[in-house]
Amino acid sequence: NLKTGIGTGLAAMVLDQSGGGGPDQAHGRFGVVSMSRSDTLARRRARDIRRLLSAPWIDADVPREQSQVSSFETTGGGVVSSAGIKGSVLGADAMLALLDDPFANADRAGSKIESRFVYEDVFESQLRSRIEPNSGGIAAVISTRLAPTDVTGRCLEAADADLRYLDLTVPAISEST
């Protein structure tokens, strides 16, 4: 029984492609950079990605000799780098830059100072800058909407012809019976 969240599933899909070439053939690898609200959560997400990559239907795995949790390479040439929002993923190129659950609660998401820090310093400066221009890479925010000015709200507000965002809303409670 293998459970996974949206972000972990996206990361596994990107890394599953790393063995078959693709947009980053010049570097020979696909990268995933992920940042979460804490180092503990970032390590948990990286462990979830590792665990999912060991599934038989995924064409990538992590060699046993790689014991580091937050940063590792796959057998297919993929790379994962994960950190808390106060940490750093600088220097890691990515096909997927993932901001996963950046706020612990609505008070933090509603704070202008914290919201600005997460959007400008973490999402824009660290994560989006890891994606090579014209590579087809994507940046994703996986988060519960907690305030109008949270990261998701700021992304949607900043969208223009050069920078597009897809707002995918997944209900927390299923509407089917």
N, C-alpha and C. Protein backbone atom coordinates (compact mmCIF):
# COMPACT_ATOMS: atom_id res chain seq x y z
N ASN A 1 0.85 -1.18 0.00
CA ASN A 1 0.00 0.00 0.00
C ASN A 1 0.89 1.24 0.00
N LEU A 2 0.92 1.95 -1.11
CA LEU A 2 1.80 3.11 -1.26
C LEU A 2 0.94 4.35 -1.42
N LYS A 3 0.93 5.20 -0.39
CA LYS A 3 0.16 6.44 -0.44
C LYS A 3 1.09 7.57 -0.85
N THR A 4 0.57 8.54 -1.60
CA THR A 4 1.39 9.66 -2.02
C THR A 4 0.55 10.91 -2.14
N GLY A 5 1.18 12.05 -1.97
CA GLY A 5 0.52 13.33 -2.16
C GLY A 5 0.75 13.81 -3.59
N ILE A 6 0.14 14.92 -3.93
CA ILE A 6 0.24 15.47 -5.28
C ILE A 6 1.69 15.81 -5.63
N GLY A 7 2.39 16.50 -4.72
CA GLY A 7 3.76 16.91 -4.99
C GLY A 7 4.69 15.73 -5.19
N THR A 8 4.56 14.71 -4.35
CA THR A 8 5.39 13.50 -4.45
C THR A 8 5.12 12.80 -5.78
N GLY A 9 3.86 12.74 -6.15
CA GLY A 9 3.49 12.11 -7.43
C GLY A 9 4.06 12.87 -8.62
N LEU A 10 3.99 14.21 -8.59
CA LEU A 10 4.58 15.02 -9.67
C LEU A 10 6.08 14.76 -9.77
N ALA A 11 6.76 14.75 -8.63
CA ALA A 11 8.21 14.52 -8.62
C ALA A 11 8.54 13.16 -9.21
N ALA A 12 7.81 12.14 -8.83
CA ALA A 12 8.07 10.79 -9.36
C ALA A 12 7.84 10.74 -10.86
N MET A 13 6.81 11.43 -11.36
CA MET A 13 6.56 11.44 -12.81
C MET A 13 7.73 12.08 -13.55
N VAL A 14 8.25 13.19 -13.04
CA VAL A 14 9.39 13.86 -13.67
C VAL A 14 10.61 12.95 -13.64
N LEU A 15 10.90 12.37 -12.48
CA LEU A 15 12.08 11.52 -12.34
C LEU A 15 11.96 10.23 -13.13
N ASP A 16 10.76 9.74 -13.33
CA ASP A 16 10.54 8.52 -14.11
C ASP A 16 10.96 8.75 -15.56
N GLN A 17 10.91 9.98 -16.03
CA GLN A 17 11.30 10.31 -17.40
C GLN A 17 12.80 10.47 -17.56
N SER A 18 13.54 10.55 -16.46
CA SER A 18 14.96 10.89 -16.53
C SER A 18 15.80 9.85 -17.26
N GLY A 19 15.36 8.61 -17.28
CA GLY A 19 16.13 7.59 -17.97
C GLY A 19 15.96 7.64 -19.48
N GLY A 20 14.91 8.32 -19.96
CA GLY A 20 14.62 8.31 -21.38
C GLY A 20 14.95 9.58 -22.11
N GLY A 21 15.89 10.36 -21.65
CA GLY A 21 16.24 11.60 -22.34
C GLY A 21 15.22 12.68 -22.01
N GLY A 22 15.00 13.61 -22.91
CA GLY A 22 14.02 14.66 -22.67
C GLY A 22 14.64 16.04 -22.76
N PRO A 23 13.93 17.05 -22.28
CA PRO A 23 14.35 18.43 -22.46
C PRO A 23 15.73 18.76 -21.88
N ASP A 24 16.19 18.05 -20.87
CA ASP A 24 17.46 18.38 -20.25
C ASP A 24 18.57 17.41 -20.67
N GLN A 25 18.53 16.95 -21.95
CA GLN A 25 19.51 15.98 -22.41
C GLN A 25 20.93 16.53 -22.38
N ALA A 26 21.08 17.84 -22.52
CA ALA A 26 22.42 18.44 -22.48
C ALA A 26 23.10 18.16 -21.14
N HIS A 27 22.32 18.17 -20.07
CA HIS A 27 22.88 17.88 -18.76
C HIS A 27 22.74 16.41 -18.38
N GLY A 28 21.95 15.64 -19.16
CA GLY A 28 21.81 14.22 -18.92
C GLY A 28 20.99 13.86 -17.70
N ARG A 29 20.19 14.77 -17.17
CA ARG A 29 19.41 14.46 -15.97
C ARG A 29 18.19 15.36 -15.86
N PHE A 30 17.24 14.90 -15.09
CA PHE A 30 16.08 15.69 -14.74
C PHE A 30 16.20 16.01 -13.27
N GLY A 31 15.90 17.23 -12.89
CA GLY A 31 16.01 17.60 -11.49
C GLY A 31 14.67 17.98 -10.90
N VAL A 32 14.55 17.72 -9.62
CA VAL A 32 13.40 18.15 -8.84
C VAL A 32 13.95 18.89 -7.63
N VAL A 33 13.54 20.14 -7.46
CA VAL A 33 13.86 20.86 -6.24
C VAL A 33 12.56 21.11 -5.50
N SER A 34 12.59 20.90 -4.21
CA SER A 34 11.38 21.00 -3.40
C SER A 34 11.69 21.76 -2.13
N MET A 35 10.81 22.69 -1.78
CA MET A 35 10.95 23.40 -0.51
C MET A 35 9.62 23.34 0.23
N SER A 36 9.70 23.13 1.53
CA SER A 36 8.53 23.04 2.40
C SER A 36 8.72 23.96 3.59
N ARG A 37 7.69 24.11 4.41
CA ARG A 37 7.74 25.08 5.51
C ARG A 37 8.80 24.78 6.56
N SER A 38 9.28 23.53 6.65
CA SER A 38 10.30 23.18 7.65
C SER A 38 11.24 22.14 7.07
N ASP A 39 12.43 22.03 7.67
CA ASP A 39 13.38 20.99 7.26
C ASP A 39 12.79 19.61 7.48
N THR A 40 12.06 19.43 8.57
CA THR A 40 11.45 18.13 8.88
C THR A 40 10.47 17.71 7.79
N LEU A 41 9.61 18.64 7.38
CA LEU A 41 8.65 18.33 6.31
C LEU A 41 9.38 18.10 4.99
N ALA A 42 10.42 18.86 4.71
CA ALA A 42 11.19 18.68 3.48
C ALA A 42 11.83 17.28 3.44
N ARG A 43 12.40 16.84 4.55
CA ARG A 43 12.98 15.49 4.61
C ARG A 43 11.90 14.43 4.41
N ARG A 44 10.72 14.65 5.00
CA ARG A 44 9.62 13.69 4.84
C ARG A 44 9.21 13.60 3.37
N ARG A 45 9.11 14.75 2.69
CA ARG A 45 8.75 14.74 1.27
C ARG A 45 9.82 14.01 0.45
N ALA A 46 11.09 14.26 0.75
CA ALA A 46 12.17 13.58 0.02
C ALA A 46 12.11 12.07 0.26
N ARG A 47 11.83 11.65 1.50
CA ARG A 47 11.69 10.21 1.79
C ARG A 47 10.51 9.62 1.03
N ASP A 48 9.40 10.37 0.94
CA ASP A 48 8.23 9.89 0.18
C ASP A 48 8.59 9.71 -1.30
N ILE A 49 9.35 10.65 -1.85
CA ILE A 49 9.77 10.54 -3.26
C ILE A 49 10.64 9.30 -3.43
N ARG A 50 11.61 9.12 -2.54
CA ARG A 50 12.48 7.92 -2.59
C ARG A 50 11.66 6.65 -2.56
N ARG A 51 10.70 6.58 -1.66
CA ARG A 51 9.87 5.39 -1.50
C ARG A 51 9.04 5.14 -2.77
N LEU A 52 8.47 6.19 -3.33
CA LEU A 52 7.67 6.03 -4.54
C LEU A 52 8.53 5.59 -5.72
N LEU A 53 9.77 6.06 -5.78
CA LEU A 53 10.66 5.67 -6.88
C LEU A 53 11.01 4.19 -6.84
N SER A 54 10.83 3.54 -5.71
CA SER A 54 11.13 2.11 -5.61
C SER A 54 9.96 1.25 -6.09
N ALA A 55 8.85 1.87 -6.44
CA ALA A 55 7.69 1.11 -6.93
C ALA A 55 8.04 0.45 -8.27
N PRO A 56 7.52 -0.75 -8.52
CA PRO A 56 7.89 -1.50 -9.73
C PRO A 56 7.48 -0.82 -11.04
N TRP A 57 6.50 0.04 -11.03
CA TRP A 57 6.05 0.68 -12.27
C TRP A 57 6.82 1.96 -12.59
N ILE A 58 7.77 2.34 -11.75
CA ILE A 58 8.59 3.53 -11.98
C ILE A 58 9.95 3.07 -12.50
N ASP A 59 10.44 3.74 -13.57
CA ASP A 59 11.70 3.35 -14.19
C ASP A 59 12.86 4.16 -13.63
N ALA A 60 12.89 4.36 -12.34
CA ALA A 60 14.01 5.04 -11.68
C ALA A 60 14.04 4.54 -10.24
N ASP A 61 15.18 4.53 -9.65
CA ASP A 61 15.33 4.09 -8.27
C ASP A 61 16.49 4.87 -7.67
N VAL A 62 16.70 4.72 -6.38
CA VAL A 62 17.79 5.39 -5.69
C VAL A 62 18.76 4.31 -5.25
N PRO A 63 20.04 4.40 -5.66
CA PRO A 63 21.01 3.40 -5.23
C PRO A 63 21.09 3.33 -3.71
N ARG A 64 21.25 2.14 -3.18
CA ARG A 64 21.29 1.93 -1.73
C ARG A 64 22.42 2.70 -1.05
N GLU A 65 23.54 2.90 -1.74
CA GLU A 65 24.66 3.58 -1.10
C GLU A 65 24.42 5.08 -0.87
N GLN A 66 23.35 5.62 -1.45
CA GLN A 66 23.02 7.03 -1.22
C GLN A 66 22.14 7.14 0.01
N SER A 67 22.73 7.50 1.11
CA SER A 67 21.98 7.53 2.36
C SER A 67 21.45 8.92 2.72
N GLN A 68 21.93 9.96 2.05
CA GLN A 68 21.45 11.30 2.37
C GLN A 68 19.98 11.42 2.00
N VAL A 69 19.18 11.94 2.91
CA VAL A 69 17.74 11.99 2.71
C VAL A 69 17.33 13.15 1.80
N SER A 70 17.85 14.34 2.02
CA SER A 70 17.34 15.54 1.37
C SER A 70 17.88 15.79 -0.02
N SER A 71 18.94 15.12 -0.41
CA SER A 71 19.53 15.33 -1.72
C SER A 71 20.08 14.00 -2.22
N PHE A 72 19.61 13.57 -3.40
CA PHE A 72 20.07 12.28 -3.91
C PHE A 72 19.88 12.21 -5.41
N GLU A 73 20.56 11.25 -6.04
CA GLU A 73 20.43 10.99 -7.46
C GLU A 73 19.72 9.66 -7.65
N THR A 74 19.06 9.52 -8.80
CA THR A 74 18.38 8.27 -9.11
C THR A 74 19.24 7.45 -10.07
N THR A 75 18.89 6.18 -10.22
CA THR A 75 19.61 5.32 -11.16
C THR A 75 19.40 5.77 -12.60
N GLY A 76 18.33 6.53 -12.86
CA GLY A 76 18.07 7.02 -14.21
C GLY A 76 18.69 8.36 -14.50
N GLY A 77 19.47 8.91 -13.57
CA GLY A 77 20.13 10.19 -13.80
C GLY A 77 19.37 11.38 -13.25
N GLY A 78 18.26 11.16 -12.56
CA GLY A 78 17.52 12.26 -11.96
C GLY A 78 18.17 12.72 -10.66
N VAL A 79 17.85 13.93 -10.25
CA VAL A 79 18.41 14.50 -9.03
C VAL A 79 17.27 15.12 -8.22
N VAL A 80 17.29 14.91 -6.90
CA VAL A 80 16.31 15.52 -6.00
C VAL A 80 17.07 16.34 -4.98
N SER A 81 16.62 17.57 -4.78
CA SER A 81 17.17 18.43 -3.73
C SER A 81 16.00 19.02 -2.98
N SER A 82 15.97 18.85 -1.66
CA SER A 82 14.84 19.26 -0.86
C SER A 82 15.32 20.02 0.37
N ALA A 83 14.60 21.09 0.74
CA ALA A 83 15.00 21.89 1.90
C ALA A 83 13.78 22.60 2.48
N GLY A 84 13.91 23.02 3.72
CA GLY A 84 12.91 23.88 4.33
C GLY A 84 13.04 25.28 3.76
N ILE A 85 12.02 26.13 3.94
CA ILE A 85 12.04 27.46 3.32
C ILE A 85 13.15 28.37 3.86
N LYS A 86 13.72 28.06 4.99
CA LYS A 86 14.84 28.85 5.50
C LYS A 86 16.17 28.29 5.02
N GLY A 87 16.13 27.15 4.30
CA GLY A 87 17.33 26.52 3.75
C GLY A 87 17.59 27.00 2.34
N SER A 88 18.27 26.17 1.55
CA SER A 88 18.64 26.58 0.21
C SER A 88 18.70 25.39 -0.73
N VAL A 89 18.25 25.60 -1.97
CA VAL A 89 18.42 24.63 -3.05
C VAL A 89 19.19 25.29 -4.19
N LEU A 90 19.93 26.33 -3.89
CA LEU A 90 20.70 27.04 -4.91
C LEU A 90 21.72 26.10 -5.54
N GLY A 91 21.90 26.26 -6.85
CA GLY A 91 22.87 25.43 -7.56
C GLY A 91 22.27 24.18 -8.17
N ALA A 92 21.04 23.84 -7.85
CA ALA A 92 20.39 22.65 -8.39
C ALA A 92 19.48 23.05 -9.54
N ASP A 93 19.72 22.49 -10.74
CA ASP A 93 18.84 22.75 -11.88
C ASP A 93 17.61 21.86 -11.76
N ALA A 94 16.49 22.32 -12.32
CA ALA A 94 15.25 21.57 -12.13
C ALA A 94 14.36 21.59 -13.36
N MET A 95 13.66 20.48 -13.53
CA MET A 95 12.53 20.42 -14.45
C MET A 95 11.24 20.65 -13.67
N LEU A 96 11.29 20.39 -12.36
CA LEU A 96 10.16 20.65 -11.48
C LEU A 96 10.66 21.36 -10.23
N ALA A 97 10.15 22.55 -10.00
CA ALA A 97 10.43 23.30 -8.77
C ALA A 97 9.14 23.32 -7.98
N LEU A 98 9.18 22.72 -6.81
CA LEU A 98 7.96 22.47 -6.05
C LEU A 98 8.00 23.20 -4.71
N LEU A 99 7.01 24.06 -4.47
CA LEU A 99 6.83 24.68 -3.16
C LEU A 99 5.65 23.96 -2.52
N ASP A 100 5.96 23.18 -1.50
CA ASP A 100 4.97 22.26 -0.93
C ASP A 100 4.63 22.68 0.49
N ASP A 101 3.39 23.11 0.69
CA ASP A 101 2.88 23.41 2.03
C ASP A 101 3.75 24.44 2.77
N PRO A 102 3.84 25.68 2.24
CA PRO A 102 4.77 26.65 2.81
C PRO A 102 4.35 27.27 4.15
N PHE A 103 3.08 27.21 4.50
CA PHE A 103 2.62 27.86 5.73
C PHE A 103 2.01 26.86 6.70
N ALA A 104 2.32 27.05 7.98
CA ALA A 104 1.80 26.15 9.01
C ALA A 104 0.34 26.44 9.34
N ASN A 105 -0.08 27.70 9.17
CA ASN A 105 -1.45 28.06 9.54
C ASN A 105 -1.86 29.36 8.85
N ALA A 106 -3.12 29.74 8.99
CA ALA A 106 -3.67 30.92 8.33
C ALA A 106 -3.02 32.22 8.83
N ASP A 107 -2.66 32.27 10.11
CA ASP A 107 -2.00 33.47 10.63
C ASP A 107 -0.69 33.73 9.90
N ARG A 108 0.08 32.69 9.70
CA ARG A 108 1.36 32.86 9.00
C ARG A 108 1.14 33.23 7.54
N ALA A 109 0.18 32.59 6.89
CA ALA A 109 -0.11 32.90 5.48
C ALA A 109 -0.62 34.31 5.32
N GLY A 110 -1.34 34.82 6.32
CA GLY A 110 -1.89 36.17 6.25
C GLY A 110 -0.90 37.26 6.63
N SER A 111 0.24 36.89 7.19
CA SER A 111 1.26 37.87 7.57
C SER A 111 1.91 38.44 6.31
N LYS A 112 1.87 39.77 6.15
CA LYS A 112 2.46 40.39 4.96
C LYS A 112 3.96 40.11 4.87
N ILE A 113 4.64 40.14 6.01
CA ILE A 113 6.09 39.92 6.02
C ILE A 113 6.41 38.48 5.62
N GLU A 114 5.73 37.52 6.25
CA GLU A 114 6.01 36.11 5.94
C GLU A 114 5.56 35.74 4.52
N SER A 115 4.41 36.26 4.10
CA SER A 115 3.92 35.98 2.76
C SER A 115 4.89 36.54 1.71
N ARG A 116 5.37 37.75 1.93
CA ARG A 116 6.33 38.36 0.99
C ARG A 116 7.62 37.55 0.96
N PHE A 117 8.14 37.12 2.13
CA PHE A 117 9.35 36.31 2.19
C PHE A 117 9.19 35.02 1.39
N VAL A 118 8.08 34.30 1.62
CA VAL A 118 7.89 33.02 0.94
C VAL A 118 7.74 33.22 -0.56
N TYR A 119 7.00 34.24 -0.98
CA TYR A 119 6.80 34.45 -2.42
C TYR A 119 8.08 34.96 -3.09
N GLU A 120 8.66 36.03 -2.57
CA GLU A 120 9.80 36.67 -3.24
C GLU A 120 11.11 35.91 -3.03
N ASP A 121 11.44 35.59 -1.79
CA ASP A 121 12.74 34.99 -1.50
C ASP A 121 12.78 33.49 -1.77
N VAL A 122 11.70 32.80 -1.45
CA VAL A 122 11.70 31.35 -1.62
C VAL A 122 11.22 30.97 -3.02
N PHE A 123 9.97 31.33 -3.37
CA PHE A 123 9.41 30.89 -4.65
C PHE A 123 10.10 31.53 -5.84
N GLU A 124 10.16 32.85 -5.88
CA GLU A 124 10.73 33.53 -7.04
C GLU A 124 12.26 33.39 -7.11
N SER A 125 12.96 33.74 -6.03
CA SER A 125 14.42 33.77 -6.07
C SER A 125 15.07 32.40 -6.07
N GLN A 126 14.55 31.48 -5.26
CA GLN A 126 15.20 30.17 -5.17
C GLN A 126 14.59 29.14 -6.12
N LEU A 127 13.29 28.94 -6.06
CA LEU A 127 12.69 27.85 -6.83
C LEU A 127 12.56 28.15 -8.32
N ARG A 128 11.89 29.22 -8.68
CA ARG A 128 11.69 29.50 -10.11
C ARG A 128 13.01 29.73 -10.83
N SER A 129 14.00 30.27 -10.13
CA SER A 129 15.29 30.52 -10.77
C SER A 129 16.05 29.23 -11.06
N ARG A 130 15.63 28.11 -10.51
CA ARG A 130 16.30 26.81 -10.75
C ARG A 130 15.88 26.20 -12.07
N ILE A 131 14.81 26.71 -12.69
CA ILE A 131 14.33 26.16 -13.95
C ILE A 131 15.06 26.84 -15.10
N GLU A 132 15.68 26.03 -15.95
CA GLU A 132 16.38 26.55 -17.12
C GLU A 132 15.37 27.22 -18.07
N PRO A 133 15.69 28.42 -18.59
CA PRO A 133 14.79 29.06 -19.55
C PRO A 133 14.55 28.16 -20.77
N ASN A 134 13.34 28.16 -21.26
CA ASN A 134 12.94 27.40 -22.45
C ASN A 134 13.15 25.89 -22.31
N SER A 135 13.16 25.37 -21.09
CA SER A 135 13.39 23.94 -20.88
C SER A 135 12.08 23.15 -20.81
N GLY A 136 10.97 23.85 -20.67
CA GLY A 136 9.70 23.16 -20.47
C GLY A 136 9.46 22.81 -19.02
N GLY A 137 10.36 23.24 -18.13
CA GLY A 137 10.21 22.96 -16.71
C GLY A 137 9.04 23.72 -16.11
N ILE A 138 8.57 23.24 -14.96
CA ILE A 138 7.43 23.88 -14.33
C ILE A 138 7.71 24.15 -12.85
N ALA A 139 7.06 25.17 -12.37
CA ALA A 139 7.07 25.48 -10.93
C ALA A 139 5.66 25.21 -10.43
N ALA A 140 5.56 24.54 -9.29
CA ALA A 140 4.24 24.20 -8.75
C ALA A 140 4.18 24.58 -7.28
N VAL A 141 3.03 25.10 -6.89
CA VAL A 141 2.76 25.40 -5.49
C VAL A 141 1.64 24.45 -5.05
N ILE A 142 1.93 23.63 -4.06
CA ILE A 142 0.93 22.72 -3.50
C ILE A 142 0.59 23.29 -2.13
N SER A 143 -0.62 23.80 -1.98
CA SER A 143 -0.93 24.49 -0.73
C SER A 143 -2.43 24.63 -0.56
N THR A 144 -2.85 24.66 0.68
CA THR A 144 -4.21 25.04 1.01
C THR A 144 -4.28 26.56 0.95
N ARG A 145 -5.32 27.10 0.31
CA ARG A 145 -5.49 28.56 0.28
C ARG A 145 -5.87 29.03 1.66
N LEU A 146 -5.00 29.85 2.26
CA LEU A 146 -5.22 30.31 3.63
C LEU A 146 -5.47 31.80 3.73
N ALA A 147 -5.07 32.56 2.70
CA ALA A 147 -5.24 34.02 2.73
C ALA A 147 -5.20 34.52 1.28
N PRO A 148 -5.86 35.64 1.00
CA PRO A 148 -5.86 36.18 -0.37
C PRO A 148 -4.46 36.54 -0.87
N THR A 149 -3.55 36.88 0.05
CA THR A 149 -2.20 37.29 -0.35
C THR A 149 -1.17 36.18 -0.13
N ASP A 150 -1.63 34.91 0.03
CA ASP A 150 -0.66 33.83 0.18
C ASP A 150 0.06 33.61 -1.16
N VAL A 151 0.97 32.65 -1.20
CA VAL A 151 1.79 32.44 -2.40
C VAL A 151 0.93 32.17 -3.63
N THR A 152 -0.07 31.32 -3.48
CA THR A 152 -0.94 31.00 -4.62
C THR A 152 -1.64 32.26 -5.13
N GLY A 153 -2.18 33.05 -4.22
CA GLY A 153 -2.83 34.30 -4.62
C GLY A 153 -1.88 35.25 -5.33
N ARG A 154 -0.66 35.37 -4.85
CA ARG A 154 0.32 36.25 -5.49
C ARG A 154 0.72 35.73 -6.86
N CYS A 155 0.84 34.41 -7.01
CA CYS A 155 1.15 33.84 -8.33
C CYS A 155 0.05 34.16 -9.34
N LEU A 156 -1.19 33.94 -8.94
CA LEU A 156 -2.31 34.20 -9.85
C LEU A 156 -2.40 35.68 -10.19
N GLU A 157 -2.10 36.54 -9.22
CA GLU A 157 -2.12 37.99 -9.45
C GLU A 157 -1.01 38.42 -10.40
N ALA A 158 0.14 37.75 -10.36
CA ALA A 158 1.30 38.12 -11.17
C ALA A 158 1.25 37.55 -12.58
N ALA A 159 0.31 36.67 -12.87
CA ALA A 159 0.25 36.02 -14.18
C ALA A 159 0.08 37.04 -15.29
N ASP A 160 0.82 36.80 -16.38
CA ASP A 160 0.69 37.63 -17.57
C ASP A 160 1.00 36.76 -18.79
N ALA A 161 1.21 37.37 -19.95
CA ALA A 161 1.43 36.60 -21.17
C ALA A 161 2.71 35.76 -21.11
N ASP A 162 3.74 36.23 -20.40
CA ASP A 162 5.00 35.51 -20.32
C ASP A 162 5.03 34.50 -19.18
N LEU A 163 4.17 34.68 -18.20
CA LEU A 163 4.18 33.84 -17.01
C LEU A 163 2.75 33.40 -16.73
N ARG A 164 2.47 32.12 -17.02
CA ARG A 164 1.11 31.62 -16.85
C ARG A 164 1.05 30.66 -15.68
N TYR A 165 -0.08 30.66 -15.02
CA TYR A 165 -0.33 29.75 -13.91
C TYR A 165 -1.64 29.04 -14.16
N LEU A 166 -1.67 27.79 -13.83
CA LEU A 166 -2.88 27.00 -13.87
C LEU A 166 -3.34 26.83 -12.43
N ASP A 167 -4.56 27.23 -12.15
CA ASP A 167 -5.12 27.09 -10.81
C ASP A 167 -5.94 25.82 -10.77
N LEU A 168 -5.39 24.79 -10.16
CA LEU A 168 -6.08 23.51 -10.03
C LEU A 168 -6.59 23.39 -8.61
N THR A 169 -7.90 23.38 -8.44
CA THR A 169 -8.50 23.30 -7.12
C THR A 169 -8.97 21.87 -6.88
N VAL A 170 -8.47 21.28 -5.81
CA VAL A 170 -8.85 19.92 -5.45
C VAL A 170 -9.62 20.03 -4.13
N PRO A 171 -10.91 19.65 -4.11
CA PRO A 171 -11.68 19.75 -2.87
C PRO A 171 -11.07 18.89 -1.77
N ALA A 172 -11.07 19.42 -0.56
CA ALA A 172 -10.53 18.67 0.58
C ALA A 172 -11.45 17.52 0.97
N ILE A 173 -12.72 17.66 0.67
CA ILE A 173 -13.70 16.61 0.97
C ILE A 173 -14.39 16.23 -0.33
N SER A 174 -14.43 14.95 -0.60
CA SER A 174 -15.04 14.47 -1.83
C SER A 174 -16.52 14.81 -1.83
N GLU A 175 -17.02 15.24 -2.99
CA GLU A 175 -18.43 15.56 -3.12
C GLU A 175 -19.27 14.34 -3.48
N SER A 176 -18.61 13.23 -3.85
CA SER A 176 -19.36 12.02 -4.18
C SER A 176 -19.62 11.20 -2.92
N THR A 177 -20.63 10.36 -2.97
CA THR A 177 -20.96 9.54 -1.80
C THR A 177 -20.61 8.10 -2.01
